[in-house]
Protein backbone atom coordinates (compact mmCIF):
# COMPACT_ATOMS: atom_id res chain seq x y z
CA MET A 1 37.09 19.67 -56.13
CA ALA A 2 34.66 16.74 -55.83
CA LEU A 3 31.24 17.35 -57.35
CA THR A 4 29.44 14.97 -54.99
CA ALA A 5 29.71 14.37 -51.27
CA PRO A 6 31.20 11.09 -50.01
CA ALA A 7 28.66 8.33 -49.38
CA PRO A 8 28.76 8.64 -45.55
CA ALA A 9 28.16 12.39 -45.79
CA ARG A 10 25.19 11.84 -48.11
CA ALA A 11 23.75 9.20 -45.79
CA ARG A 12 24.08 11.54 -42.82
CA ALA A 13 22.42 14.37 -44.76
CA TRP A 14 19.55 12.09 -45.81
CA ALA A 15 19.01 10.85 -42.27
CA LEU A 16 18.95 14.33 -40.74
CA ALA A 17 16.80 15.77 -43.54
CA GLY A 18 14.33 12.91 -43.16
CA ALA A 19 14.10 13.40 -39.41
CA ALA A 20 13.54 17.14 -39.95
CA LEU A 21 10.71 16.43 -42.40
CA VAL A 22 9.05 14.14 -39.86
CA VAL A 23 9.33 16.86 -37.20
CA ALA A 24 7.68 19.28 -39.65
CA GLY A 25 4.87 16.78 -40.15
CA ILE A 26 4.38 16.50 -36.40
CA ALA A 27 4.23 20.30 -36.14
CA ALA A 28 1.48 20.37 -38.79
CA MET A 29 -0.52 17.74 -36.89
CA LEU A 30 -0.18 19.67 -33.64
CA ALA A 31 -1.29 22.85 -35.40
CA LEU A 32 -4.47 21.09 -36.51
CA HIS A 33 -5.41 20.57 -32.87
CA LEU A 34 -5.13 24.30 -32.29
CA VAL A 35 -7.01 25.52 -35.36
CA SER A 36 -9.80 22.91 -35.14
CA PRO A 37 -10.69 22.67 -31.42
CA GLU A 38 -14.14 21.33 -32.32
CA VAL A 39 -12.60 17.92 -33.13
CA ASP A 40 -12.59 15.77 -29.99
CA PRO A 41 -9.02 14.38 -29.75
CA ALA A 42 -10.14 11.57 -27.44
CA ARG A 43 -12.82 10.16 -29.74
CA ARG A 44 -12.13 11.43 -33.25
CA THR A 45 -9.27 10.15 -35.40
CA ILE A 46 -6.62 12.46 -36.79
CA SER A 47 -8.09 11.93 -40.27
CA GLN A 48 -11.22 13.77 -39.13
CA TYR A 49 -9.33 16.99 -39.86
CA ALA A 50 -9.23 16.01 -43.55
CA LEU A 51 -13.03 16.37 -43.72
CA GLY A 52 -12.92 20.05 -42.82
CA PRO A 53 -11.42 23.28 -44.14
CA TRP A 54 -7.94 22.35 -42.85
CA LYS A 55 -7.54 19.33 -45.14
CA PRO A 56 -4.51 20.92 -46.93
CA LEU A 57 -2.67 21.17 -43.61
CA PHE A 58 -3.56 17.55 -42.77
CA ASP A 59 -2.37 16.38 -46.20
CA ALA A 60 0.86 18.37 -45.91
CA GLY A 61 1.59 16.93 -42.46
CA VAL A 62 1.03 13.32 -43.46
CA LEU A 63 2.99 13.71 -46.70
CA ALA A 64 5.86 15.30 -44.78
CA VAL A 65 6.00 12.25 -42.51
CA ALA A 66 5.80 9.92 -45.53
CA ALA A 67 8.58 11.74 -47.38
CA GLY A 68 10.69 12.08 -44.25
CA SER A 69 10.38 8.36 -43.53
CA ALA A 70 11.49 7.50 -47.07
CA VAL A 71 14.51 9.80 -46.75
CA VAL A 72 15.36 8.31 -43.34
CA LEU A 73 15.27 4.90 -45.02
CA ALA A 74 17.82 6.16 -47.55
CA GLY A 75 19.98 7.24 -44.61
CA LEU A 76 19.63 3.86 -42.93
CA ILE A 77 20.70 2.10 -46.11
CA GLY A 78 23.51 4.54 -46.83
CA SER A 79 24.89 4.24 -43.29
CA GLY A 80 24.91 0.44 -43.48
CA LEU A 81 22.36 -0.13 -40.72
CA VAL A 82 19.85 -1.67 -43.13
CA ARG A 83 20.33 -3.50 -46.41
CA TRP A 84 18.23 -2.15 -49.25
CA ARG A 85 16.99 -5.65 -50.09
CA SER A 86 15.69 -6.54 -46.64
CA THR A 87 12.43 -6.97 -44.79
CA SER A 88 13.18 -3.89 -42.68
CA ALA A 89 13.61 -1.71 -45.76
CA ALA A 90 10.42 -3.11 -47.28
CA LEU A 91 8.45 -2.39 -44.11
CA VAL A 92 9.63 1.23 -43.88
CA ALA A 93 8.94 1.70 -47.59
CA ALA A 94 5.45 0.23 -47.16
CA TRP A 95 4.77 2.59 -44.23
CA SER A 96 5.75 5.56 -46.40
CA VAL A 97 3.68 4.48 -49.40
CA LEU A 98 0.63 3.68 -47.28
CA LEU A 99 0.74 7.14 -45.69
CA VAL A 100 0.44 8.56 -49.21
CA VAL A 101 -2.52 6.23 -49.79
CA VAL A 102 -4.13 7.59 -46.61
CA VAL A 103 -3.96 11.09 -48.11
CA VAL A 104 -5.18 10.10 -51.57
CA PHE A 105 -8.15 8.08 -50.27
CA GLU A 106 -10.22 10.21 -47.94
CA LYS A 107 -11.64 8.99 -44.64
CA ILE A 108 -15.30 7.99 -44.50
CA ASP A 109 -17.61 10.89 -43.75
CA TRP A 110 -20.25 9.15 -41.68
CA SER A 111 -22.67 12.04 -42.12
CA VAL A 112 -22.85 10.90 -45.77
CA GLY A 113 -22.23 7.16 -45.43
CA PRO A 114 -19.51 4.59 -46.13
CA THR A 115 -17.54 4.74 -49.38
CA PRO A 116 -15.03 2.38 -51.03
CA THR A 117 -12.32 5.05 -50.79
CA GLY A 118 -13.04 5.40 -47.09
CA TYR A 119 -12.44 1.71 -46.52
CA VAL A 120 -9.17 1.90 -48.45
CA HIS A 121 -8.17 4.76 -46.14
CA ARG A 122 -9.03 2.75 -43.03
CA TYR A 123 -7.18 -0.42 -43.94
CA ALA A 124 -4.18 1.43 -45.37
CA SER A 125 -3.92 3.20 -42.01
CA LEU A 126 -4.06 -0.07 -40.07
CA VAL A 127 -1.42 -1.77 -42.21
CA ALA A 128 0.83 1.31 -42.07
CA PHE A 129 0.53 1.42 -38.28
CA PHE A 130 1.69 -2.22 -38.18
CA CYS A 131 4.55 -1.89 -40.68
CA LEU A 132 6.51 0.79 -38.85
CA PRO A 133 6.82 -0.93 -35.44
CA ALA A 134 7.57 -4.21 -37.19
CA ALA A 135 10.45 -2.48 -38.99
CA ALA A 136 11.67 -0.87 -35.76
CA LEU A 137 11.72 -4.25 -34.01
CA ARG A 138 13.64 -5.90 -36.85
CA VAL A 139 16.29 -3.17 -37.00
CA SER A 140 16.72 -3.14 -33.22
CA ARG A 141 16.99 -6.93 -33.07
CA ALA A 142 19.81 -6.97 -35.63
CA TRP A 143 21.90 -4.51 -33.59
CA ARG A 144 20.92 -5.30 -30.00
CA GLY A 145 24.24 -6.98 -29.17
CA ASP A 146 26.39 -4.32 -30.80
CA VAL A 147 28.67 -2.40 -28.44
CA ARG A 148 28.36 0.87 -30.32
CA TRP A 149 24.67 0.81 -31.23
CA GLY A 150 23.11 -1.11 -28.35
CA ARG A 151 21.46 1.98 -26.83
CA PHE A 152 19.93 3.11 -30.11
CA ALA A 153 18.73 -0.45 -30.67
CA ALA A 154 17.13 -0.59 -27.21
CA LEU A 155 15.33 2.74 -27.65
CA THR A 156 14.11 1.72 -31.10
CA ARG A 157 12.90 -1.59 -29.72
CA TRP A 158 10.94 0.02 -26.88
CA LEU A 159 9.30 2.46 -29.27
CA GLY A 160 8.31 -0.44 -31.50
CA VAL A 161 6.87 -2.32 -28.52
CA GLY A 162 5.10 0.83 -27.35
CA ALA A 163 3.51 1.34 -30.76
CA LEU A 164 2.21 -2.23 -30.80
CA ALA A 165 0.84 -1.70 -27.29
CA TRP A 166 -1.22 1.24 -28.60
CA LEU A 167 -2.31 -0.77 -31.65
CA ALA A 168 -3.28 -3.99 -29.86
CA PRO A 169 -6.49 -2.68 -28.20
CA LEU A 170 -7.73 -1.41 -31.57
CA LEU A 171 -7.22 -4.83 -33.15
CA LEU A 172 -8.77 -6.47 -30.11
CA GLY A 173 -11.86 -4.32 -30.57
CA PHE A 174 -12.18 -5.65 -34.13
CA ALA A 175 -11.81 -9.24 -32.97
CA LEU A 176 -14.23 -9.04 -30.03
CA ARG A 177 -17.00 -7.09 -31.72
CA PRO A 178 -18.99 -10.24 -32.68
CA LEU A 179 -18.87 -11.34 -29.02
CA THR A 180 -19.33 -8.03 -27.21
CA GLY A 181 -21.48 -6.16 -29.69
CA VAL A 182 -19.37 -3.08 -28.96
CA PRO A 183 -18.24 -1.22 -32.11
CA TRP A 184 -14.46 -1.34 -32.39
CA TRP A 185 -14.25 2.45 -32.49
CA ARG A 186 -15.91 2.58 -29.07
CA PHE A 187 -13.94 -0.27 -27.51
CA VAL A 188 -11.31 2.27 -26.41
CA PRO A 189 -11.10 6.07 -26.80
CA LEU A 190 -10.19 5.78 -30.49
CA GLY A 191 -8.76 9.26 -30.97
CA LEU A 192 -6.58 9.02 -27.89
CA PHE A 193 -5.16 5.63 -28.82
CA GLU A 194 -4.56 6.62 -32.43
CA ARG A 195 -2.72 9.76 -31.36
CA GLY A 196 -0.61 7.79 -28.91
CA LEU A 197 0.14 5.26 -31.64
CA ALA A 198 1.01 7.90 -34.23
CA LEU A 199 3.22 9.86 -31.85
CA THR A 200 5.13 6.72 -30.80
CA GLU A 201 5.68 5.70 -34.41
CA VAL A 202 6.94 9.06 -35.63
CA ALA A 203 9.23 9.14 -32.59
CA ALA A 204 10.63 5.80 -33.77
CA VAL A 205 11.26 7.23 -37.24
CA ILE A 206 13.10 10.22 -35.74
CA VAL A 207 15.24 7.93 -33.58
CA LEU A 208 16.07 5.80 -36.64
CA GLY A 209 17.07 8.96 -38.48
CA LEU A 210 19.33 10.14 -35.66
CA TRP A 211 20.79 6.65 -35.40
CA ALA A 212 21.56 6.58 -39.12
CA ALA A 213 23.12 10.05 -38.92
CA ARG A 214 25.36 8.94 -36.06
CA ALA A 215 26.31 5.72 -37.85
CA ALA A 216 27.28 7.68 -40.97
CA ARG A 217 29.73 9.87 -39.04
CA PRO A 218 33.39 8.99 -39.54
CA ALA A 219 34.71 7.19 -36.46
CA ALA A 220 38.14 6.11 -35.31
CA PRO A 221 38.72 2.45 -36.18
CA PRO A 222 38.10 0.24 -33.13
CA SER A 223 40.79 -2.05 -31.79
CA GLY A 224 41.10 -5.19 -29.71
CA ALA A 225 38.10 -6.94 -28.22
CA ALA A 226 35.80 -3.98 -28.78
CA ALA A 227 36.29 -4.30 -32.53
CA GLY A 228 35.15 -7.89 -32.52
CA ALA A 229 32.21 -7.23 -30.24
CA GLY A 230 31.00 -4.27 -32.30
CA ALA A 231 31.08 -5.99 -35.68
CA THR A 232 27.55 -6.91 -36.66
CA ALA A 233 26.03 -7.44 -40.08
CA PRO A 234 23.26 -5.07 -41.15
CA VAL A 235 19.66 -6.21 -41.19
CA SER A 236 18.90 -8.94 -43.70
């Protein structure tokens, strides 16, 4: 009896476990909206929950997404969709690490005043929110012409584009503030846009996990023209 599962089985298990962890993180975030109705979801960021009594639930949710994303990355590598030494892998890894940074460095409490840790939290969030869609776009681009994985690639690509569409107005608010005098956090409903951005990005991670799980499943060897059309190198 083998003591370890075959590599494809391990990759599939990692991918599905990672996706499940991300779903658990989403559930924790949704629960925060129920237990803390005083936080305005249209104007206040998700990190606002970390300043109140439900900080442990916030931390657990974000860390679940971070851990789940890292495990999904292991599934992507194990299934052959992504090379471990690639830009895509580095971007997903950076997203995961920066989510941990977001938990470690608390958001600015403006009732007290700005803090260095608060600025670390802010910019780690912004970079993390850029890394994930960038990774999604790179993975989808590598497989967009593949017969077998074209649909997964298209869905991943649209989620990456959607995430950048949520992020762009926030960055535009930063850029235009010297001209408009409007604070970037009031340029758009900040809480609404951040929630839309976060939801789109975790959806992309779940899709990547399901894609990796499907890719790790044993399949009948293709034949003829379909075999040639479906052969594509993993992301470099």
